[in-house]
Amino acid sequence: MLQLDVDDEDTVAPRLTTLFDALGSVEVVVVNAGINALSSVGRGELDTERRILRTNLLGAIATVDAAAALFMPQRRGHIVAIASVAAKVAVPRQAAYCASKAAVISYCESLRAELRGTGLRVVTISPGYVATPLTARNPYPMPFLMQPDAFARRALRAIAAGARHRVIPWPMAIVAAVL
């Protein structure tokens, strides 16, 4: 596993190249860029929203771009982008987070069409609530809260099944549609 700071765009491609070279063969790159902070419109919190969008969207795009460049010569590989059910649910004081994850979904849909025929697969995973330090701060109920290992097993099954976009756990897709 390689961890990198997606906000430092100049280091993303070199770090991924180092990983690919060290391993010899990489089949999956999971792009899990995500930060969140409460912010409210009209309160001068544009810097907070800018940081969320920069990390969650532009950081993800920088990582996807670097991974795609490394996968293309192999003519195979999976790019897995972690979005969120929040892309479809209006969450007060989290507009930038919701918008960033919706943009990740749209980006991956376009990318999937662009990469058709190249041997590269693009998988979008939209988690509901997963017990992480990010969700630990949520002051509201979190239906279907999953443990990270259970989420990871379901995500791996979605990748292996060749899913294009999967909501995990699936009942959150219904909750999102109703809300």
Protein backbone atom coordinates (compact mmCIF):
# COMPACT_ATOMS: atom_id res chain seq x y z
CA MET A 1 0.00 0.00 0.00
CA LEU A 2 1.17 3.49 -0.84
CA GLN A 3 -0.10 6.57 0.88
CA LEU A 4 0.41 9.95 -0.67
CA ASP A 5 -0.77 13.51 -0.27
CA VAL A 6 -3.04 14.14 -3.25
CA ASP A 7 -2.93 17.88 -2.53
CA ASP A 8 0.73 17.84 -3.56
CA GLU A 9 -0.04 17.13 -7.22
CA ASP A 10 3.62 17.23 -8.25
CA THR A 11 4.38 14.14 -6.16
CA VAL A 12 1.43 11.95 -7.19
CA ALA A 13 2.75 10.66 -10.53
CA PRO A 14 6.34 10.07 -9.32
CA ARG A 15 5.12 8.18 -6.21
CA LEU A 16 2.80 5.98 -8.28
CA THR A 17 5.60 5.34 -10.78
CA THR A 18 7.88 4.27 -7.92
CA LEU A 19 5.20 1.88 -6.68
CA PHE A 20 4.56 0.38 -10.12
CA ASP A 21 8.31 -0.07 -10.67
CA ALA A 22 8.79 -1.69 -7.25
CA LEU A 23 5.91 -4.12 -7.63
CA GLY A 24 6.39 -4.94 -11.29
CA SER A 25 2.67 -5.42 -11.79
CA VAL A 26 -0.21 -3.42 -10.37
CA GLU A 27 -3.81 -4.38 -11.08
CA VAL A 28 -5.80 -1.91 -8.97
CA VAL A 29 -5.37 1.69 -7.85
CA VAL A 30 -7.91 2.88 -5.29
CA VAL A 31 -8.38 6.63 -5.26
CA ASN A 32 -9.77 7.45 -1.84
CA ALA A 33 -9.25 11.19 -1.53
CA GLY A 34 -11.61 12.64 1.01
CA ILE A 35 -11.73 15.35 3.62
CA ASN A 36 -14.70 17.14 5.10
CA ALA A 37 -15.44 20.06 7.35
CA LEU A 38 -18.63 21.85 8.22
CA SER A 39 -19.10 25.10 6.38
CA SER A 40 -22.00 27.43 5.76
CA VAL A 41 -22.80 29.63 2.84
CA GLY A 42 -22.65 33.35 3.54
CA ARG A 43 -20.19 33.01 6.40
CA GLY A 44 -16.95 33.63 4.55
CA GLU A 45 -15.86 29.97 4.62
CA LEU A 46 -14.81 29.79 0.99
CA ASP A 47 -11.28 28.70 1.96
CA THR A 48 -12.70 25.62 3.70
CA GLU A 49 -14.85 24.75 0.70
CA ARG A 50 -11.95 25.34 -1.69
CA ARG A 51 -9.74 22.95 0.34
CA ILE A 52 -12.44 20.25 0.28
CA LEU A 53 -12.94 20.57 -3.48
CA ARG A 54 -9.17 20.66 -4.13
CA THR A 55 -8.54 17.47 -2.18
CA ASN A 56 -11.66 15.47 -2.98
CA LEU A 57 -11.93 16.31 -6.67
CA LEU A 58 -8.66 17.69 -8.02
CA GLY A 59 -6.57 15.35 -5.86
CA ALA A 60 -8.62 12.41 -7.09
CA ILE A 61 -8.25 13.55 -10.71
CA ALA A 62 -4.47 13.91 -10.33
CA THR A 63 -4.27 10.37 -8.97
CA VAL A 64 -6.54 8.91 -11.65
CA ASP A 65 -4.52 10.66 -14.35
CA ALA A 66 -1.24 9.25 -13.04
CA ALA A 67 -2.69 5.74 -12.66
CA ALA A 68 -4.21 5.76 -16.15
CA ALA A 69 -0.87 6.81 -17.68
CA LEU A 70 0.82 3.86 -15.96
CA PHE A 71 -1.92 1.35 -16.81
CA MET A 72 -2.22 2.26 -20.50
CA PRO A 73 1.00 0.53 -21.66
CA GLN A 74 -0.19 -2.64 -19.85
CA ARG A 75 -3.62 -2.35 -21.52
CA ARG A 76 -5.17 -3.50 -18.25
CA GLY A 77 -5.89 -2.27 -14.76
CA HIS A 78 -8.65 -1.07 -12.49
CA ILE A 79 -9.02 2.51 -11.35
CA VAL A 80 -11.36 2.54 -8.36
CA ALA A 81 -12.63 5.93 -7.22
CA ILE A 82 -14.31 6.30 -3.85
CA ALA A 83 -17.21 8.74 -4.08
CA SER A 84 -20.04 8.85 -1.51
CA VAL A 85 -23.77 8.48 -1.10
CA ALA A 86 -23.53 12.14 -0.06
CA ALA A 87 -23.31 12.88 -3.78
CA LYS A 88 -27.05 12.19 -3.95
CA VAL A 89 -28.18 13.40 -0.51
CA ALA A 90 -28.41 17.00 0.60
CA VAL A 91 -26.44 17.26 3.83
CA PRO A 92 -26.66 20.65 5.57
CA ARG A 93 -23.32 22.42 6.04
CA GLN A 94 -21.56 19.86 3.83
CA ALA A 95 -22.34 21.26 0.37
CA ALA A 96 -18.71 21.27 -0.77
CA TYR A 97 -18.24 17.65 0.29
CA CYS A 98 -21.46 16.57 -1.44
CA ALA A 99 -20.55 18.50 -4.59
CA SER A 100 -17.02 17.09 -4.69
CA LYS A 101 -18.27 13.51 -4.48
CA ALA A 102 -20.96 14.14 -7.12
CA ALA A 103 -18.22 15.51 -9.37
CA VAL A 104 -16.12 12.37 -8.80
CA ILE A 105 -19.05 10.24 -9.98
CA SER A 106 -19.53 12.36 -13.12
CA TYR A 107 -15.79 12.39 -13.79
CA CYS A 108 -15.64 8.59 -13.58
CA GLU A 109 -18.65 8.19 -15.88
CA SER A 110 -16.92 10.30 -18.52
CA LEU A 111 -13.61 8.55 -17.95
CA ARG A 112 -15.25 5.15 -18.32
CA ALA A 113 -16.51 6.18 -21.78
CA GLU A 114 -13.14 7.67 -22.73
CA LEU A 115 -11.22 4.53 -21.74
CA ARG A 116 -13.57 2.08 -23.48
CA GLY A 117 -11.54 -0.36 -25.51
CA THR A 118 -8.24 0.34 -23.73
CA GLY A 119 -8.42 -2.58 -21.29
CA LEU A 120 -8.69 -0.21 -18.34
CA ARG A 121 -11.71 -0.47 -16.04
CA VAL A 122 -13.14 2.40 -14.03
CA VAL A 123 -15.13 1.49 -10.93
CA THR A 124 -16.91 4.02 -8.75
CA ILE A 125 -17.77 3.03 -5.19
CA SER A 126 -20.22 5.19 -3.25
CA PRO A 127 -20.09 4.25 0.41
CA GLY A 128 -22.75 5.08 2.88
CA TYR A 129 -21.43 5.48 6.40
CA VAL A 130 -18.20 3.69 7.27
CA ALA A 131 -16.81 3.87 10.81
CA THR A 132 -13.76 6.08 10.28
CA PRO A 133 -12.33 9.17 11.96
CA LEU A 134 -14.20 11.21 9.34
CA THR A 135 -17.62 9.83 10.32
CA ALA A 136 -16.82 9.72 14.03
CA ARG A 137 -17.40 13.49 14.11
CA ASN A 138 -20.89 13.29 12.62
CA PRO A 139 -23.45 14.65 15.10
CA TYR A 140 -26.38 12.82 13.48
CA PRO A 141 -27.61 9.23 13.11
CA MET A 142 -25.80 7.15 10.50
CA PRO A 143 -28.00 4.34 9.17
CA PHE A 144 -26.30 1.14 8.08
CA LEU A 145 -22.95 2.19 9.60
CA MET A 146 -20.34 -0.31 8.38
CA GLN A 147 -17.02 -1.36 9.79
CA PRO A 148 -14.09 -0.72 7.43
CA ASP A 149 -13.28 -4.42 6.92
CA ALA A 150 -16.88 -5.23 5.93
CA PHE A 151 -16.89 -2.29 3.52
CA ALA A 152 -13.56 -3.41 2.02
CA ARG A 153 -14.84 -6.95 1.40
CA ARG A 154 -17.92 -5.63 -0.41
CA ALA A 155 -15.82 -3.18 -2.43
CA LEU A 156 -13.48 -5.99 -3.52
CA ARG A 157 -16.48 -8.04 -4.65
CA ALA A 158 -17.76 -5.08 -6.68
CA ILE A 159 -14.36 -4.64 -8.34
CA ALA A 160 -14.08 -8.37 -9.11
CA ALA A 161 -17.61 -8.39 -10.53
CA GLY A 162 -16.73 -5.60 -12.95
CA ALA A 163 -19.23 -3.16 -11.47
CA ARG A 164 -19.30 0.30 -12.98
CA HIS A 165 -20.80 2.03 -9.94
CA ARG A 166 -21.76 0.40 -6.67
CA VAL A 167 -23.41 1.84 -3.56
CA ILE A 168 -22.24 0.05 -0.41
CA PRO A 169 -24.25 -1.02 1.49
CA TRP A 170 -26.98 -1.31 -1.13
CA PRO A 171 -29.82 -0.13 1.20
CA MET A 172 -28.14 3.30 1.18
CA ALA A 173 -29.02 3.60 -2.52
CA ILE A 174 -32.68 3.38 -1.54
CA VAL A 175 -32.23 5.86 1.33
CA ALA A 176 -30.48 8.28 -1.04
CA ALA A 177 -33.24 7.96 -3.64
CA VAL A 178 -35.96 8.56 -1.05
CA LEU A 179 -34.17 11.58 0.43
